[in-house]
Amino acid sequence: MMDCRKIDPDFGTQYYHTENKALALQTGRLAQFLIRHNFADPLQFILVRFVIRHNLINQLLTEDEQGCRGSEPCKPQDKR
C-alpha cells in the first residue's frame, strides 16, 4: 500500500485506511489463534502487534530459513 500511496497520492488516505484495516484483520486473526492455543497473556498480544506492525515476521521467517538462532546477528550463508 505504501507503493500505491507514492504512485497515486490523490488516493493516499484511502490506501492508508485500507492498510490499517488489513493490519487490524491480521492482528485479530492472530489474537484468535493465540487464544485458541492458550496464549492469553496481554503482553504477548502487544508483542505480536509490534511484530506485525513493523513487518518483522517476514524478517523472522527469512532469518529462520537461513538457520539463524539466538540473539546473535544473522550471518549470510554461502549459496552453493
PDB file of N, CA and C in Angstrom:
ATOM      1  N   MET A   1       0.811  -1.197   0.000  1.00  0.00           N
ATOM      2  CA  MET A   1       0.000   0.000   0.000  1.00  0.00           C
ATOM      3  C   MET A   1       0.857   1.265   0.000  1.00  0.00           C
ATOM      4  N   MET A   2       2.038   1.177   0.614  1.00  0.00           N
ATOM      5  CA  MET A   2       2.911   2.358   0.607  1.00  0.00           C
ATOM      6  C   MET A   2       3.316   2.720  -0.809  1.00  0.00           C
ATOM      7  N   ASP A   3       3.589   1.710  -1.614  1.00  0.00           N
ATOM      8  CA  ASP A   3       3.944   1.966  -3.012  1.00  0.00           C
ATOM      9  C   ASP A   3       2.782   2.625  -3.739  1.00  0.00           C
ATOM     10  N   CYS A   4       1.569   2.170  -3.453  1.00  0.00           N
ATOM     11  CA  CYS A   4       0.390   2.750  -4.097  1.00  0.00           C
ATOM     12  C   CYS A   4       0.231   4.214  -3.711  1.00  0.00           C
ATOM     13  N   ARG A   5       0.479   4.516  -2.431  1.00  0.00           N
ATOM     14  CA  ARG A   5       0.364   5.914  -1.982  1.00  0.00           C
ATOM     15  C   ARG A   5       1.365   6.811  -2.686  1.00  0.00           C
ATOM     16  N   LYS A   6       2.568   6.284  -2.918  1.00  0.00           N
ATOM     17  CA  LYS A   6       3.592   7.083  -3.596  1.00  0.00           C
ATOM     18  C   LYS A   6       3.221   7.335  -5.049  1.00  0.00           C
ATOM     19  N   ILE A   7       2.699   6.314  -5.707  1.00  0.00           N
ATOM     20  CA  ILE A   7       2.362   6.422  -7.127  1.00  0.00           C
ATOM     21  C   ILE A   7       1.073   7.196  -7.348  1.00  0.00           C
ATOM     22  N   ASP A   8       0.116   7.028  -6.429  1.00  0.00           N
ATOM     23  CA  ASP A   8      -1.212   7.610  -6.587  1.00  0.00           C
ATOM     24  C   ASP A   8      -1.566   8.442  -5.348  1.00  0.00           C
ATOM     25  N   PRO A   9      -0.884   9.580  -5.125  1.00  0.00           N
ATOM     26  CA  PRO A   9      -1.074  10.354  -3.899  1.00  0.00           C
ATOM     27  C   PRO A   9      -2.492  10.902  -3.711  1.00  0.00           C
ATOM     28  N   ASP A  10      -3.250  11.030  -4.794  1.00  0.00           N
ATOM     29  CA  ASP A  10      -4.623  11.542  -4.671  1.00  0.00           C
ATOM     30  C   ASP A  10      -5.490  10.623  -3.811  1.00  0.00           C
ATOM     31  N   PHE A  11      -5.151   9.335  -3.774  1.00  0.00           N
ATOM     32  CA  PHE A  11      -5.929   8.369  -3.005  1.00  0.00           C
ATOM     33  C   PHE A  11      -5.137   7.861  -1.797  1.00  0.00           C
ATOM     34  N   GLY A  12      -4.139   8.638  -1.376  1.00  0.00           N
ATOM     35  CA  GLY A  12      -3.274   8.243  -0.271  1.00  0.00           C
ATOM     36  C   GLY A  12      -4.020   7.917   1.004  1.00  0.00           C
ATOM     37  N   THR A  13      -5.039   8.718   1.327  1.00  0.00           N
ATOM     38  CA  THR A  13      -5.812   8.482   2.545  1.00  0.00           C
ATOM     39  C   THR A  13      -6.544   7.145   2.470  1.00  0.00           C
ATOM     40  N   GLN A  14      -7.104   6.840   1.312  1.00  0.00           N
ATOM     41  CA  GLN A  14      -7.822   5.566   1.165  1.00  0.00           C
ATOM     42  C   GLN A  14      -6.863   4.380   1.265  1.00  0.00           C
ATOM     43  N   TYR A  15      -5.675   4.502   0.688  1.00  0.00           N
ATOM     44  CA  TYR A  15      -4.682   3.432   0.809  1.00  0.00           C
ATOM     45  C   TYR A  15      -4.279   3.242   2.271  1.00  0.00           C
ATOM     46  N   TYR A  16      -4.098   4.358   2.967  1.00  0.00           N
ATOM     47  CA  TYR A  16      -3.720   4.315   4.377  1.00  0.00           C
ATOM     48  C   TYR A  16      -4.787   3.574   5.186  1.00  0.00           C
ATOM     49  N   HIS A  17      -6.054   3.917   4.969  1.00  0.00           N
ATOM     50  CA  HIS A  17      -7.142   3.273   5.709  1.00  0.00           C
ATOM     51  C   HIS A  17      -7.259   1.788   5.348  1.00  0.00           C
ATOM     52  N   THR A  18      -7.066   1.466   4.094  1.00  0.00           N
ATOM     53  CA  THR A  18      -7.110   0.065   3.669  1.00  0.00           C
ATOM     54  C   THR A  18      -5.991  -0.730   4.334  1.00  0.00           C
ATOM     55  N   GLU A  19      -4.811  -0.136   4.379  1.00  0.00           N
ATOM     56  CA  GLU A  19      -3.667  -0.792   5.014  1.00  0.00           C
ATOM     57  C   GLU A  19      -3.942  -1.038   6.502  1.00  0.00           C
ATOM     58  N   ASN A  20      -4.516  -0.052   7.177  1.00  0.00           N
ATOM     59  CA  ASN A  20      -4.832  -0.198   8.597  1.00  0.00           C
ATOM     60  C   ASN A  20      -5.913  -1.249   8.835  1.00  0.00           C
ATOM     61  N   LYS A  21      -6.900  -1.313   7.950  1.00  0.00           N
ATOM     62  CA  LYS A  21      -7.937  -2.341   8.090  1.00  0.00           C
ATOM     63  C   LYS A  21      -7.336  -3.732   7.932  1.00  0.00           C
ATOM     64  N   ALA A  22      -6.436  -3.883   6.970  1.00  0.00           N
ATOM     65  CA  ALA A  22      -5.786  -5.178   6.762  1.00  0.00           C
ATOM     66  C   ALA A  22      -4.957  -5.560   7.988  1.00  0.00           C
ATOM     67  N   LEU A  23      -4.245  -4.591   8.557  1.00  0.00           N
ATOM     68  CA  LEU A  23      -3.450  -4.847   9.747  1.00  0.00           C
ATOM     69  C   LEU A  23      -4.345  -5.255  10.920  1.00  0.00           C
ATOM     70  N   ALA A  24      -5.478  -4.578  11.060  1.00  0.00           N
ATOM     71  CA  ALA A  24      -6.409  -4.916  12.139  1.00  0.00           C
ATOM     72  C   ALA A  24      -6.951  -6.335  11.963  1.00  0.00           C
ATOM     73  N   LEU A  25      -7.250  -6.716  10.730  1.00  0.00           N
ATOM     74  CA  LEU A  25      -7.739  -8.078  10.480  1.00  0.00           C
ATOM     75  C   LEU A  25      -6.665  -9.114  10.797  1.00  0.00           C
ATOM     76  N   GLN A  26      -5.432  -8.850  10.380  1.00  0.00           N
ATOM     77  CA  GLN A  26      -4.334  -9.772  10.679  1.00  0.00           C
ATOM     78  C   GLN A  26      -4.143  -9.913  12.185  1.00  0.00           C
ATOM     79  N   THR A  27      -4.164  -8.787  12.879  1.00  0.00           N
ATOM     80  CA  THR A  27      -3.979  -8.802  14.324  1.00  0.00           C
ATOM     81  C   THR A  27      -5.110  -9.574  14.997  1.00  0.00           C
ATOM     82  N   GLY A  28      -6.328  -9.359  14.531  1.00  0.00           N
ATOM     83  CA  GLY A  28      -7.471 -10.074  15.099  1.00  0.00           C
ATOM     84  C   GLY A  28      -7.383 -11.573  14.882  1.00  0.00           C
ATOM     85  N   ARG A  29      -7.000 -11.970  13.684  1.00  0.00           N
ATOM     86  CA  ARG A  29      -6.858 -13.406  13.399  1.00  0.00           C
ATOM     87  C   ARG A  29      -5.762 -14.018  14.249  1.00  0.00           C
ATOM     88  N   LEU A  30      -4.669 -13.291  14.393  1.00  0.00           N
ATOM     89  CA  LEU A  30      -3.574 -13.793  15.204  1.00  0.00           C
ATOM     90  C   LEU A  30      -3.986 -13.863  16.680  1.00  0.00           C
ATOM     91  N   ALA A  31      -4.711 -12.875  17.150  1.00  0.00           N
ATOM     92  CA  ALA A  31      -5.186 -12.896  18.540  1.00  0.00           C
ATOM     93  C   ALA A  31      -6.081 -14.107  18.782  1.00  0.00           C
ATOM     94  N   GLN A  32      -6.974 -14.398  17.855  1.00  0.00           N
ATOM     95  CA  GLN A  32      -7.840 -15.570  17.993  1.00  0.00           C
ATOM     96  C   GLN A  32      -7.019 -16.854  17.999  1.00  0.00           C
ATOM     97  N   PHE A  33      -6.000 -16.921  17.173  1.00  0.00           N
ATOM     98  CA  PHE A  33      -5.116 -18.080  17.146  1.00  0.00           C
ATOM     99  C   PHE A  33      -4.445 -18.258  18.503  1.00  0.00           C
ATOM    100  N   LEU A  34      -3.935 -17.157  19.054  1.00  0.00           N
ATOM    101  CA  LEU A  34      -3.260 -17.228  20.350  1.00  0.00           C
ATOM    102  C   LEU A  34      -4.216 -17.664  21.455  1.00  0.00           C
ATOM    103  N   ILE A  35      -5.440 -17.179  21.418  1.00  0.00           N
ATOM    104  CA  ILE A  35      -6.440 -17.579  22.414  1.00  0.00           C
ATOM    105  C   ILE A  35      -6.732 -19.069  22.289  1.00  0.00           C
ATOM    106  N   ARG A  36      -6.907 -19.544  21.049  1.00  0.00           N
ATOM    107  CA  ARG A  36      -7.182 -20.972  20.827  1.00  0.00           C
ATOM    108  C   ARG A  36      -6.077 -21.860  21.380  1.00  0.00           C
ATOM    109  N   HIS A  37      -4.848 -21.339  21.346  1.00  0.00           N
ATOM    110  CA  HIS A  37      -3.706 -22.142  21.780  1.00  0.00           C
ATOM    111  C   HIS A  37      -3.198 -21.710  23.161  1.00  0.00           C
ATOM    112  N   ASN A  38      -4.089 -21.070  23.925  1.00  0.00           N
ATOM    113  CA  ASN A  38      -3.833 -20.716  25.326  1.00  0.00           C
ATOM    114  C   ASN A  38      -2.669 -19.742  25.532  1.00  0.00           C
ATOM    115  N   PHE A  39      -2.471 -18.835  24.592  1.00  0.00           N
ATOM    116  CA  PHE A  39      -1.521 -17.751  24.774  1.00  0.00           C
ATOM    117  C   PHE A  39      -2.330 -16.487  25.049  1.00  0.00           C
ATOM    118  N   ALA A  40      -2.852 -16.380  26.245  1.00  0.00           N
ATOM    119  CA  ALA A  40      -3.770 -15.285  26.537  1.00  0.00           C
ATOM    120  C   ALA A  40      -3.122 -14.146  27.322  1.00  0.00           C
ATOM    121  N   ASP A  41      -1.822 -14.163  27.487  1.00  0.00           N
ATOM    122  CA  ASP A  41      -1.118 -13.118  28.215  1.00  0.00           C
ATOM    123  C   ASP A  41      -1.182 -11.815  27.414  1.00  0.00           C
ATOM    124  N   PRO A  42      -1.657 -10.711  28.026  1.00  0.00           N
ATOM    125  CA  PRO A  42      -1.753  -9.430  27.294  1.00  0.00           C
ATOM    126  C   PRO A  42      -0.424  -8.973  26.706  1.00  0.00           C
ATOM    127  N   LEU A  43       0.686  -9.260  27.388  1.00  0.00           N
ATOM    128  CA  LEU A  43       1.984  -8.849  26.873  1.00  0.00           C
ATOM    129  C   LEU A  43       2.264  -9.530  25.533  1.00  0.00           C
ATOM    130  N   GLN A  44       1.842 -10.776  25.384  1.00  0.00           N
ATOM    131  CA  GLN A  44       2.049 -11.479  24.121  1.00  0.00           C
ATOM    132  C   GLN A  44       1.305 -10.783  22.987  1.00  0.00           C
ATOM    133  N   PHE A  45       0.089 -10.294  23.259  1.00  0.00           N
ATOM    134  CA  PHE A  45      -0.660  -9.571  22.232  1.00  0.00           C
ATOM    135  C   PHE A  45       0.087  -8.308  21.817  1.00  0.00           C
ATOM    136  N   ILE A  46       0.642  -7.610  22.789  1.00  0.00           N
ATOM    137  CA  ILE A  46       1.382  -6.384  22.495  1.00  0.00           C
ATOM    138  C   ILE A  46       2.597  -6.703  21.619  1.00  0.00           C
ATOM    139  N   LEU A  47       3.324  -7.742  21.987  1.00  0.00           N
ATOM    140  CA  LEU A  47       4.500  -8.116  21.209  1.00  0.00           C
ATOM    141  C   LEU A  47       4.124  -8.553  19.796  1.00  0.00           C
ATOM    142  N   VAL A  48       3.057  -9.315  19.671  1.00  0.00           N
ATOM    143  CA  VAL A  48       2.618  -9.779  18.357  1.00  0.00           C
ATOM    144  C   VAL A  48       2.205  -8.597  17.488  1.00  0.00           C
ATOM    145  N   ARG A  49       1.470  -7.659  18.067  1.00  0.00           N
ATOM    146  CA  ARG A  49       1.059  -6.477  17.295  1.00  0.00           C
ATOM    147  C   ARG A  49       2.286  -5.688  16.832  1.00  0.00           C
ATOM    148  N   PHE A  50       3.298  -5.583  17.692  1.00  0.00           N
ATOM    149  CA  PHE A  50       4.531  -4.890  17.332  1.00  0.00           C
ATOM    150  C   PHE A  50       5.200  -5.587  16.155  1.00  0.00           C
ATOM    151  N   VAL A  51       5.294  -6.913  16.221  1.00  0.00           N
ATOM    152  CA  VAL A  51       5.930  -7.692  15.152  1.00  0.00           C
ATOM    153  C   VAL A  51       5.188  -7.486  13.839  1.00  0.00           C
ATOM    154  N   ILE A  52       3.870  -7.527  13.877  1.00  0.00           N
ATOM    155  CA  ILE A  52       3.079  -7.344  12.661  1.00  0.00           C
ATOM    156  C   ILE A  52       3.209  -5.914  12.149  1.00  0.00           C
ATOM    157  N   ARG A  53       3.069  -4.954  13.053  1.00  0.00           N
ATOM    158  CA  ARG A  53       3.095  -3.541  12.653  1.00  0.00           C
ATOM    159  C   ARG A  53       4.413  -3.168  11.982  1.00  0.00           C
ATOM    160  N   HIS A  54       5.500  -3.751  12.429  1.00  0.00           N
ATOM    161  CA  HIS A  54       6.814  -3.421  11.872  1.00  0.00           C
ATOM    162  C   HIS A  54       7.269  -4.434  10.829  1.00  0.00           C
ATOM    163  N   ASN A  55       6.357  -5.285  10.395  1.00  0.00           N
ATOM    164  CA  ASN A  55       6.617  -6.271   9.350  1.00  0.00           C
ATOM    165  C   ASN A  55       7.856  -7.114   9.661  1.00  0.00           C
ATOM    166  N   LEU A  56       8.020  -7.433  10.927  1.00  0.00           N
ATOM    167  CA  LEU A  56       9.175  -8.217  11.346  1.00  0.00           C
ATOM    168  C   LEU A  56       8.985  -9.709  11.121  1.00  0.00           C
ATOM    169  N   ILE A  57       7.745 -10.138  10.898  1.00  0.00           N
ATOM    170  CA  ILE A  57       7.503 -11.560  10.701  1.00  0.00           C
ATOM    171  C   ILE A  57       8.223 -12.052   9.442  1.00  0.00           C
ATOM    172  N   ASN A  58       8.251 -11.222   8.395  1.00  0.00           N
ATOM    173  CA  ASN A  58       8.962 -11.614   7.174  1.00  0.00           C
ATOM    174  C   ASN A  58      10.456 -11.739   7.435  1.00  0.00           C
ATOM    175  N   GLN A  59      10.993 -10.822   8.221  1.00  0.00           N
ATOM    176  CA  GLN A  59      12.408 -10.893   8.577  1.00  0.00           C
ATOM    177  C   GLN A  59      12.678 -12.145   9.402  1.00  0.00           C
ATOM    178  N   LEU A  60      11.800 -12.434  10.350  1.00  0.00           N
ATOM    179  CA  LEU A  60      11.957 -13.626  11.173  1.00  0.00           C
ATOM    180  C   LEU A  60      11.959 -14.888  10.313  1.00  0.00           C
ATOM    181  N   LEU A  61      11.000 -14.986   9.407  1.00  0.00           N
ATOM    182  CA  LEU A  61      10.906 -16.170   8.555  1.00  0.00           C
ATOM    183  C   LEU A  61      12.128 -16.306   7.654  1.00  0.00           C
ATOM    184  N   THR A  62      12.614 -15.191   7.126  1.00  0.00           N
ATOM    185  CA  THR A  62      13.805 -15.210   6.276  1.00  0.00           C
ATOM    186  C   THR A  62      15.023 -15.672   7.062  1.00  0.00           C
ATOM    187  N   GLU A  63      15.200 -15.102   8.245  1.00  0.00           N
ATOM    188  CA  GLU A  63      16.345 -15.478   9.068  1.00  0.00           C
ATOM    189  C   GLU A  63      16.226 -16.923   9.548  1.00  0.00           C
ATOM    190  N   ASP A  64      15.016 -17.349   9.865  1.00  0.00           N
ATOM    191  CA  ASP A  64      14.811 -18.722  10.295  1.00  0.00           C
ATOM    192  C   ASP A  64      15.161 -19.693   9.169  1.00  0.00           C
ATOM    193  N   GLU A  65      14.780 -19.336   7.954  1.00  0.00           N
ATOM    194  CA  GLU A  65      15.092 -20.172   6.792  1.00  0.00           C
ATOM    195  C   GLU A  65      16.606 -20.275   6.591  1.00  0.00           C
ATOM    196  N   GLN A  66      17.320 -19.215   6.959  1.00  0.00           N
ATOM    197  CA  GLN A  66      18.777 -19.196   6.826  1.00  0.00           C
ATOM    198  C   GLN A  66      19.463 -19.913   7.989  1.00  0.00           C
ATOM    199  N   GLY A  67      18.682 -20.353   8.974  1.00  0.00           N
ATOM    200  CA  GLY A  67      19.243 -21.077  10.107  1.00  0.00           C
ATOM    201  C   GLY A  67      19.720 -20.197  11.241  1.00  0.00           C
ATOM    202  N   CYS A  68      19.304 -18.938  11.269  1.00  0.00           N
ATOM    203  CA  CYS A  68      19.721 -18.020  12.331  1.00  0.00           C
ATOM    204  C   CYS A  68      18.967 -18.362  13.608  1.00  0.00           C
ATOM    205  N   ARG A  69      19.682 -18.374  14.725  1.00  0.00           N
ATOM    206  CA  ARG A  69      19.062 -18.660  16.013  1.00  0.00           C
ATOM    207  C   ARG A  69      19.694 -17.766  17.073  1.00  0.00           C
ATOM    208  N   GLY A  70      18.968 -17.516  18.141  1.00  0.00           N
ATOM    209  CA  GLY A  70      19.506 -16.764  19.269  1.00  0.00           C
ATOM    210  C   GLY A  70      19.549 -15.275  19.020  1.00  0.00           C
ATOM    211  N   SER A  71      20.386 -14.591  19.811  1.00  0.00           N
ATOM    212  CA  SER A  71      20.422 -13.133  19.756  1.00  0.00           C
ATOM    213  C   SER A  71      21.548 -12.587  18.891  1.00  0.00           C
ATOM    214  N   GLU A  72      22.381 -13.453  18.359  1.00  0.00           N
ATOM    215  CA  GLU A  72      23.472 -13.002  17.503  1.00  0.00           C
ATOM    216  C   GLU A  72      22.935 -12.579  16.130  1.00  0.00           C
ATOM    217  N   PRO A  73      23.571 -11.576  15.502  1.00  0.00           N
ATOM    218  CA  PRO A  73      23.148 -11.189  14.147  1.00  0.00           C
ATOM    219  C   PRO A  73      23.294 -12.367  13.186  1.00  0.00           C
ATOM    220  N   CYS A  74      22.437 -12.411  12.228  1.00  0.00           N
ATOM    221  CA  CYS A  74      22.440 -13.499  11.253  1.00  0.00           C
ATOM    222  C   CYS A  74      23.601 -13.301  10.283  1.00  0.00           C
ATOM    223  N   LYS A  75      24.334 -14.358  10.074  1.00  0.00           N
ATOM    224  CA  LYS A  75      25.440 -14.320   9.116  1.00  0.00           C
ATOM    225  C   LYS A  75      24.954 -14.891   7.792  1.00  0.00           C
ATOM    226  N   PRO A  76      25.195 -14.177   6.689  1.00  0.00           N
ATOM    227  CA  PRO A  76      24.769 -14.706   5.393  1.00  0.00           C
ATOM    228  C   PRO A  76      25.435 -16.048   5.124  1.00  0.00           C
ATOM    229  N   GLN A  77      24.656 -16.958   4.564  1.00  0.00           N
ATOM    230  CA  GLN A  77      25.186 -18.270   4.258  1.00  0.00           C
ATOM    231  C   GLN A  77      25.594 -18.342   2.804  1.00  0.00           C
ATOM    232  N   ASP A  78      26.605 -19.169   2.552  1.00  0.00           N
ATOM    233  CA  ASP A  78      27.053 -19.372   1.165  1.00  0.00           C
ATOM    234  C   ASP A  78      25.978 -20.111   0.391  1.00  0.00           C
ATOM    235  N   LYS A  79      25.685 -19.619  -0.793  1.00  0.00           N
ATOM    236  CA  LYS A  79      24.741 -20.315  -1.681  1.00  0.00           C
ATOM    237  C   LYS A  79      25.546 -21.070  -2.698  1.00  0.00           C
ATOM    238  N   ARG A  80      25.593 -22.363  -2.564  1.00  0.00           N
ATOM    239  CA  ARG A  80      26.387 -23.180  -3.473  1.00  0.00           C
ATOM    240  C   ARG A  80      25.500 -23.980  -4.371  1.00  0.00           C
TER     241      ARG A  80
END
